[in-house]
N, C-alpha and C. Protein backbone atom coordinates (compact mmCIF):
# COMPACT_ATOMS: atom_id res chain seq x y z
N MET A 1 89.98 54.34 77.54
CA MET A 1 88.73 54.98 77.17
C MET A 1 88.92 56.50 77.30
N THR A 2 88.46 57.22 76.32
CA THR A 2 88.59 58.67 76.31
C THR A 2 87.27 59.31 76.72
N THR A 3 87.36 60.36 77.51
CA THR A 3 86.17 61.08 77.94
C THR A 3 86.00 62.32 77.09
N ILE A 4 84.76 62.52 76.64
CA ILE A 4 84.44 63.71 75.85
C ILE A 4 83.36 64.47 76.60
N THR A 5 83.53 65.75 76.72
CA THR A 5 82.57 66.58 77.43
C THR A 5 81.78 67.40 76.42
N ILE A 6 80.44 67.36 76.56
CA ILE A 6 79.59 68.17 75.69
C ILE A 6 78.63 68.96 76.58
N PRO A 7 78.13 70.06 76.08
CA PRO A 7 77.17 70.84 76.87
C PRO A 7 75.90 70.03 77.14
N LYS A 8 75.26 70.32 78.26
CA LYS A 8 74.05 69.61 78.65
C LYS A 8 72.96 69.74 77.60
N LYS A 9 72.85 70.91 77.00
CA LYS A 9 71.84 71.15 75.97
C LYS A 9 72.07 70.22 74.77
N GLU A 10 73.31 70.06 74.38
CA GLU A 10 73.65 69.16 73.26
C GLU A 10 73.35 67.71 73.64
N TYR A 11 73.67 67.33 74.87
CA TYR A 11 73.37 65.98 75.36
C TYR A 11 71.87 65.71 75.30
N GLN A 12 71.05 66.66 75.76
CA GLN A 12 69.61 66.51 75.74
C GLN A 12 69.09 66.36 74.31
N ARG A 13 69.65 67.14 73.39
CA ARG A 13 69.25 67.06 71.98
C ARG A 13 69.58 65.68 71.41
N LEU A 14 70.78 65.18 71.69
CA LEU A 14 71.18 63.86 71.19
C LEU A 14 70.34 62.75 71.82
N LEU A 15 70.06 62.86 73.10
CA LEU A 15 69.24 61.87 73.79
C LEU A 15 67.83 61.85 73.21
N ASP A 16 67.26 63.03 73.00
CA ASP A 16 65.92 63.14 72.41
C ASP A 16 65.89 62.49 71.03
N ARG A 17 66.89 62.75 70.24
CA ARG A 17 66.97 62.18 68.89
C ARG A 17 67.08 60.66 68.95
N ALA A 18 67.88 60.15 69.87
CA ALA A 18 68.04 58.70 70.02
C ALA A 18 66.73 58.04 70.45
N LEU A 19 66.03 58.67 71.38
CA LEU A 19 64.76 58.10 71.84
C LEU A 19 63.71 58.12 70.74
N ARG A 20 63.68 59.17 69.96
CA ARG A 20 62.73 59.23 68.83
C ARG A 20 63.04 58.15 67.80
N TYR A 21 64.32 57.97 67.53
CA TYR A 21 64.73 56.94 66.57
C TYR A 21 64.30 55.56 67.08
N GLU A 22 64.52 55.30 68.36
CA GLU A 22 64.16 54.00 68.93
C GLU A 22 62.65 53.78 68.86
N TYR A 23 61.87 54.81 69.15
CA TYR A 23 60.42 54.72 69.09
C TYR A 23 59.97 54.40 67.65
N LEU A 24 60.53 55.09 66.68
CA LEU A 24 60.18 54.87 65.29
C LEU A 24 60.59 53.45 64.85
N ARG A 25 61.75 53.00 65.28
CA ARG A 25 62.21 51.66 64.93
C ARG A 25 61.24 50.60 65.47
N GLN A 26 60.77 50.79 66.70
CA GLN A 26 59.84 49.84 67.29
C GLN A 26 58.52 49.81 66.53
N ILE A 27 58.05 50.97 66.10
CA ILE A 27 56.81 51.03 65.33
C ILE A 27 56.97 50.31 64.00
N LEU A 28 58.08 50.53 63.34
CA LEU A 28 58.28 49.93 62.02
C LEU A 28 58.55 48.44 62.08
N GLU A 29 58.93 47.92 63.25
CA GLU A 29 59.11 46.47 63.38
C GLU A 29 57.78 45.74 63.28
N GLY A 30 56.71 46.39 63.70
CA GLY A 30 55.38 45.79 63.63
C GLY A 30 54.89 45.79 62.20
N ASP A 31 53.82 45.09 61.96
CA ASP A 31 53.23 45.01 60.63
C ASP A 31 52.27 46.18 60.45
N ILE A 32 52.77 47.29 59.89
CA ILE A 32 51.95 48.50 59.76
C ILE A 32 50.88 48.35 58.68
N PHE A 33 50.98 47.32 57.85
CA PHE A 33 49.99 47.13 56.80
C PHE A 33 49.00 46.01 57.15
N ALA A 34 48.99 45.60 58.39
CA ALA A 34 48.07 44.54 58.82
C ALA A 34 46.63 45.07 58.76
N SER A 35 45.71 44.19 58.47
CA SER A 35 44.30 44.56 58.43
C SER A 35 43.80 44.86 59.84
N PRO A 36 42.81 45.73 59.95
CA PRO A 36 42.23 45.99 61.26
C PRO A 36 41.67 44.69 61.85
N PRO A 37 41.67 44.56 63.17
CA PRO A 37 41.23 43.30 63.77
C PRO A 37 39.73 43.03 63.65
N THR A 38 38.95 44.02 63.26
CA THR A 38 37.51 43.82 63.12
C THR A 38 36.99 44.49 61.85
N ARG A 39 35.87 44.00 61.38
CA ARG A 39 35.22 44.62 60.22
C ARG A 39 33.89 45.24 60.63
N ASN A 40 33.66 45.34 61.91
CA ASN A 40 32.42 45.88 62.43
C ASN A 40 32.56 47.40 62.60
N ILE A 41 31.95 48.15 61.71
CA ILE A 41 32.06 49.61 61.72
C ILE A 41 31.51 50.19 63.01
N LYS A 42 30.38 49.68 63.49
CA LYS A 42 29.78 50.20 64.73
C LYS A 42 30.73 50.01 65.91
N SER A 43 31.41 48.90 65.94
CA SER A 43 32.37 48.64 67.01
C SER A 43 33.53 49.64 66.98
N ILE A 44 34.01 49.93 65.79
CA ILE A 44 35.13 50.87 65.63
C ILE A 44 34.70 52.26 66.07
N ILE A 45 33.53 52.71 65.62
CA ILE A 45 33.03 54.03 66.00
C ILE A 45 32.82 54.10 67.51
N LYS A 46 32.31 53.03 68.08
CA LYS A 46 32.08 52.99 69.53
C LYS A 46 33.40 53.17 70.29
N GLU A 47 34.45 52.53 69.82
CA GLU A 47 35.76 52.65 70.47
C GLU A 47 36.31 54.07 70.34
N PHE A 48 36.16 54.68 69.17
CA PHE A 48 36.61 56.06 68.98
C PHE A 48 35.82 56.99 69.89
N ARG A 49 34.50 56.79 69.96
CA ARG A 49 33.65 57.64 70.80
C ARG A 49 34.04 57.51 72.27
N ALA A 50 34.39 56.31 72.70
CA ALA A 50 34.73 56.05 74.10
C ALA A 50 35.96 56.84 74.56
N THR A 51 36.84 57.20 73.63
CA THR A 51 38.04 57.96 74.01
C THR A 51 37.70 59.41 74.35
N LYS A 52 36.54 59.89 73.88
CA LYS A 52 36.10 61.28 74.09
C LYS A 52 37.10 62.30 73.54
N GLN A 53 37.83 61.91 72.52
CA GLN A 53 38.80 62.80 71.89
C GLN A 53 38.32 63.31 70.53
N TYR A 54 37.22 62.77 70.03
CA TYR A 54 36.76 63.10 68.69
C TYR A 54 35.36 63.68 68.74
N ASN A 55 35.14 64.73 67.95
CA ASN A 55 33.81 65.35 67.95
C ASN A 55 32.85 64.55 67.08
N PRO A 56 31.54 64.73 67.27
CA PRO A 56 30.54 63.96 66.52
C PRO A 56 30.67 64.09 65.01
N LYS A 57 31.06 65.26 64.54
CA LYS A 57 31.21 65.46 63.09
C LYS A 57 32.32 64.56 62.53
N PHE A 58 33.42 64.48 63.26
CA PHE A 58 34.51 63.60 62.82
C PHE A 58 34.06 62.14 62.80
N LEU A 59 33.36 61.73 63.86
CA LEU A 59 32.91 60.34 63.94
C LEU A 59 31.94 60.00 62.81
N GLU A 60 31.08 60.94 62.44
CA GLU A 60 30.17 60.71 61.30
C GLU A 60 30.97 60.55 60.01
N SER A 61 31.96 61.41 59.84
CA SER A 61 32.81 61.35 58.65
C SER A 61 33.58 60.03 58.60
N LEU A 62 34.09 59.62 59.74
CA LEU A 62 34.81 58.34 59.82
C LEU A 62 33.90 57.18 59.44
N ALA A 63 32.69 57.19 59.96
CA ALA A 63 31.73 56.11 59.65
C ALA A 63 31.42 56.07 58.15
N ARG A 64 31.21 57.25 57.55
CA ARG A 64 30.94 57.29 56.10
C ARG A 64 32.14 56.75 55.32
N GLY A 65 33.33 57.14 55.74
CA GLY A 65 34.54 56.67 55.06
C GLY A 65 34.70 55.16 55.16
N LEU A 66 34.44 54.63 56.35
CA LEU A 66 34.55 53.18 56.53
C LEU A 66 33.50 52.44 55.71
N GLU A 67 32.30 53.02 55.59
CA GLU A 67 31.25 52.39 54.78
C GLU A 67 31.63 52.33 53.31
N HIS A 68 32.44 53.27 52.85
CA HIS A 68 32.87 53.28 51.45
C HIS A 68 34.11 52.41 51.21
N SER A 69 34.76 51.99 52.28
CA SER A 69 35.98 51.20 52.18
C SER A 69 35.67 49.80 51.65
N SER A 70 36.45 49.35 50.69
CA SER A 70 36.25 48.00 50.13
C SER A 70 36.52 46.93 51.19
N TYR A 71 37.38 47.20 52.14
CA TYR A 71 37.70 46.22 53.19
C TYR A 71 36.47 45.93 54.03
N PHE A 72 35.66 46.94 54.32
CA PHE A 72 34.49 46.76 55.17
C PHE A 72 33.27 46.30 54.38
N LYS A 73 33.33 46.31 53.07
CA LYS A 73 32.20 45.84 52.26
C LYS A 73 32.22 44.33 52.09
N GLN A 74 33.35 43.72 52.32
CA GLN A 74 33.48 42.27 52.11
C GLN A 74 32.73 41.48 53.14
């Protein structure tokens, strides 16, 4: 076995790249085109609101968008 020495900065860059690739691979293994688990718009908005990461204007816009979605009209 041969030993190769690389600078720590290069090692960190390669490690970061490998971890990002692994993360992306795991995401793509799942079914990214699966339907949402619920069709209840109020439930979805409630969950978004509970995170406290979204402002009221965004939540209103999201609700309007979901109401126009053919998936939620069925």
